Amino acid sequence: MLVLTKLKQIRQRKGFSQRDLAKRSGVAQATISHLEKGREARFVTMNALARALEVEPEALVGEGQ
C-alpha cells in the first residue's frame, strides 16, 4: 500500500472535483478525501484513480516510495 502524495495536485490540474473523480473512477468520494489526507491506498484503488485521471499509477506516488 502506498500514499498517493500527488493525487490532489493531479486531480486539481485536470480540473476535477473529488466528486467528479469519484464518478469517473468508481472510488467513493470519502475514500478520495482520506487518500488526499495521507491514508494509504490499495493497489486496485490507485489503478482505478490513475485510469480516471489518464496518468500512469506511478504518477500518483511521490518520489522515494
N, C-alpha and C. Protein backbone atom coordinates (compact mmCIF):
# COMPACT_ATOMS: atom_id res chain seq x y z
N MET A 1 0.85 -1.18 0.00
CA MET A 1 0.00 0.00 0.00
C MET A 1 0.89 1.24 0.00
N LEU A 2 0.40 2.28 -0.68
CA LEU A 2 1.20 3.48 -0.88
C LEU A 2 0.39 4.74 -0.56
N VAL A 3 1.10 5.79 -0.19
CA VAL A 3 0.48 7.09 0.00
C VAL A 3 0.53 7.82 -1.34
N LEU A 4 -0.63 8.29 -1.80
CA LEU A 4 -0.72 8.95 -3.10
C LEU A 4 -0.51 10.45 -2.94
N THR A 5 0.74 10.84 -2.74
CA THR A 5 1.05 12.23 -2.41
C THR A 5 0.75 13.21 -3.54
N LYS A 6 0.64 12.74 -4.75
CA LYS A 6 0.39 13.62 -5.90
C LYS A 6 -1.08 13.62 -6.34
N LEU A 7 -1.92 12.86 -5.68
CA LEU A 7 -3.31 12.71 -6.11
C LEU A 7 -4.03 14.04 -6.20
N LYS A 8 -4.02 14.82 -5.14
CA LYS A 8 -4.76 16.09 -5.13
C LYS A 8 -4.22 17.04 -6.19
N GLN A 9 -2.92 17.13 -6.31
CA GLN A 9 -2.30 18.02 -7.28
C GLN A 9 -2.73 17.65 -8.71
N ILE A 10 -2.67 16.38 -9.04
CA ILE A 10 -3.04 15.93 -10.38
C ILE A 10 -4.54 16.12 -10.61
N ARG A 11 -5.35 15.78 -9.62
CA ARG A 11 -6.80 15.94 -9.75
C ARG A 11 -7.15 17.39 -10.03
N GLN A 12 -6.56 18.31 -9.29
CA GLN A 12 -6.85 19.73 -9.49
C GLN A 12 -6.33 20.23 -10.83
N ARG A 13 -5.16 19.76 -11.23
CA ARG A 13 -4.60 20.16 -12.52
C ARG A 13 -5.50 19.72 -13.67
N LYS A 14 -6.14 18.56 -13.51
CA LYS A 14 -7.06 18.05 -14.54
C LYS A 14 -8.42 18.74 -14.47
N GLY A 15 -8.66 19.52 -13.41
CA GLY A 15 -9.91 20.26 -13.30
C GLY A 15 -11.06 19.48 -12.70
N PHE A 16 -10.75 18.41 -11.97
CA PHE A 16 -11.79 17.57 -11.38
C PHE A 16 -11.99 17.91 -9.90
N SER A 17 -13.23 17.89 -9.47
CA SER A 17 -13.51 17.92 -8.04
C SER A 17 -13.37 16.49 -7.54
N GLN A 18 -13.39 16.33 -6.22
CA GLN A 18 -13.38 14.96 -5.68
C GLN A 18 -14.60 14.21 -6.16
N ARG A 19 -15.72 14.88 -6.23
CA ARG A 19 -16.96 14.24 -6.69
C ARG A 19 -16.83 13.77 -8.14
N ASP A 20 -16.26 14.64 -9.00
CA ASP A 20 -16.04 14.26 -10.40
C ASP A 20 -15.17 13.01 -10.50
N LEU A 21 -14.09 13.02 -9.75
CA LEU A 21 -13.16 11.89 -9.80
C LEU A 21 -13.82 10.62 -9.27
N ALA A 22 -14.64 10.76 -8.25
CA ALA A 22 -15.36 9.61 -7.71
C ALA A 22 -16.25 8.98 -8.78
N LYS A 23 -16.97 9.81 -9.51
CA LYS A 23 -17.85 9.31 -10.57
C LYS A 23 -17.06 8.65 -11.69
N ARG A 24 -15.95 9.24 -12.06
CA ARG A 24 -15.14 8.70 -13.17
C ARG A 24 -14.42 7.41 -12.80
N SER A 25 -14.03 7.30 -11.52
CA SER A 25 -13.19 6.17 -11.11
C SER A 25 -13.93 5.04 -10.43
N GLY A 26 -15.09 5.34 -9.87
CA GLY A 26 -15.81 4.33 -9.09
C GLY A 26 -15.29 4.21 -7.67
N VAL A 27 -14.41 5.12 -7.27
CA VAL A 27 -13.88 5.17 -5.91
C VAL A 27 -14.72 6.19 -5.14
N ALA A 28 -15.15 5.84 -3.95
CA ALA A 28 -16.01 6.72 -3.16
C ALA A 28 -15.32 8.06 -2.89
N GLN A 29 -16.11 9.13 -2.91
CA GLN A 29 -15.58 10.46 -2.64
C GLN A 29 -14.91 10.52 -1.27
N ALA A 30 -15.49 9.86 -0.29
CA ALA A 30 -14.91 9.85 1.06
C ALA A 30 -13.53 9.19 1.04
N THR A 31 -13.37 8.16 0.24
CA THR A 31 -12.07 7.49 0.12
C THR A 31 -11.05 8.42 -0.51
N ILE A 32 -11.45 9.12 -1.55
CA ILE A 32 -10.56 10.08 -2.20
C ILE A 32 -10.12 11.14 -1.20
N SER A 33 -11.04 11.64 -0.41
CA SER A 33 -10.72 12.63 0.61
C SER A 33 -9.69 12.07 1.60
N HIS A 34 -9.91 10.85 2.06
CA HIS A 34 -8.97 10.23 3.01
C HIS A 34 -7.59 10.04 2.37
N LEU A 35 -7.57 9.64 1.11
CA LEU A 35 -6.30 9.42 0.43
C LEU A 35 -5.53 10.73 0.28
N GLU A 36 -6.25 11.80 0.01
CA GLU A 36 -5.60 13.10 -0.14
C GLU A 36 -5.07 13.63 1.19
N LYS A 37 -5.56 13.07 2.28
CA LYS A 37 -5.08 13.47 3.61
C LYS A 37 -4.00 12.54 4.14
N GLY A 38 -3.56 11.59 3.31
CA GLY A 38 -2.43 10.76 3.68
C GLY A 38 -2.71 9.30 3.99
N ARG A 39 -3.95 8.87 3.87
CA ARG A 39 -4.26 7.45 4.09
C ARG A 39 -3.64 6.62 2.97
N GLU A 40 -3.19 5.44 3.30
CA GLU A 40 -2.58 4.57 2.30
C GLU A 40 -3.64 3.99 1.37
N ALA A 41 -3.26 3.85 0.10
CA ALA A 41 -4.18 3.33 -0.92
C ALA A 41 -3.84 1.89 -1.26
N ARG A 42 -4.87 1.12 -1.54
CA ARG A 42 -4.68 -0.23 -2.08
C ARG A 42 -4.31 -0.08 -3.55
N PHE A 43 -3.62 -1.08 -4.08
CA PHE A 43 -3.18 -1.01 -5.48
C PHE A 43 -4.36 -0.90 -6.44
N VAL A 44 -5.44 -1.61 -6.17
CA VAL A 44 -6.60 -1.57 -7.05
C VAL A 44 -7.20 -0.16 -7.07
N THR A 45 -7.21 0.50 -5.93
CA THR A 45 -7.73 1.88 -5.85
C THR A 45 -6.81 2.83 -6.61
N MET A 46 -5.52 2.69 -6.41
CA MET A 46 -4.56 3.53 -7.12
C MET A 46 -4.72 3.38 -8.62
N ASN A 47 -4.88 2.16 -9.09
CA ASN A 47 -5.04 1.91 -10.52
C ASN A 47 -6.32 2.52 -11.06
N ALA A 48 -7.42 2.42 -10.31
CA ALA A 48 -8.69 3.00 -10.75
C ALA A 48 -8.59 4.52 -10.86
N LEU A 49 -7.94 5.13 -9.89
CA LEU A 49 -7.78 6.59 -9.92
C LEU A 49 -6.86 7.01 -11.06
N ALA A 50 -5.80 6.28 -11.28
CA ALA A 50 -4.88 6.60 -12.37
C ALA A 50 -5.58 6.52 -13.73
N ARG A 51 -6.39 5.47 -13.92
CA ARG A 51 -7.13 5.34 -15.18
C ARG A 51 -8.07 6.52 -15.38
N ALA A 52 -8.79 6.90 -14.32
CA ALA A 52 -9.74 8.00 -14.41
C ALA A 52 -9.04 9.33 -14.70
N LEU A 53 -7.83 9.49 -14.18
CA LEU A 53 -7.07 10.72 -14.39
C LEU A 53 -6.20 10.66 -15.64
N GLU A 54 -6.17 9.51 -16.29
CA GLU A 54 -5.40 9.29 -17.51
C GLU A 54 -3.91 9.55 -17.28
N VAL A 55 -3.40 8.96 -16.19
CA VAL A 55 -1.97 9.02 -15.87
C VAL A 55 -1.50 7.62 -15.50
N GLU A 56 -0.20 7.43 -15.50
CA GLU A 56 0.36 6.17 -15.02
C GLU A 56 0.20 6.12 -13.50
N PRO A 57 -0.06 4.96 -12.93
CA PRO A 57 -0.23 4.86 -11.48
C PRO A 57 0.94 5.46 -10.69
N GLU A 58 2.14 5.30 -11.21
CA GLU A 58 3.32 5.81 -10.51
C GLU A 58 3.29 7.33 -10.37
N ALA A 59 2.56 8.02 -11.26
CA ALA A 59 2.48 9.49 -11.20
C ALA A 59 1.78 9.95 -9.91
N LEU A 60 0.96 9.12 -9.32
CA LEU A 60 0.23 9.49 -8.12
C LEU A 60 1.06 9.36 -6.85
N VAL A 61 2.17 8.66 -6.97
CA VAL A 61 3.01 8.35 -5.81
C VAL A 61 4.20 9.31 -5.79
N GLY A 62 4.50 9.84 -4.64
CA GLY A 62 5.66 10.72 -4.50
C GLY A 62 6.96 9.96 -4.67
N GLU A 63 8.02 10.70 -4.88
CA GLU A 63 9.34 10.08 -5.04
C GLU A 63 9.77 9.41 -3.75
N GLY A 64 10.49 8.35 -3.89
CA GLY A 64 11.05 7.66 -2.74
C GLY A 64 10.14 6.63 -2.11
N GLN A 65 8.98 6.37 -2.71
CA GLN A 65 8.07 5.36 -2.16
C GLN A 65 8.18 4.07 -2.96
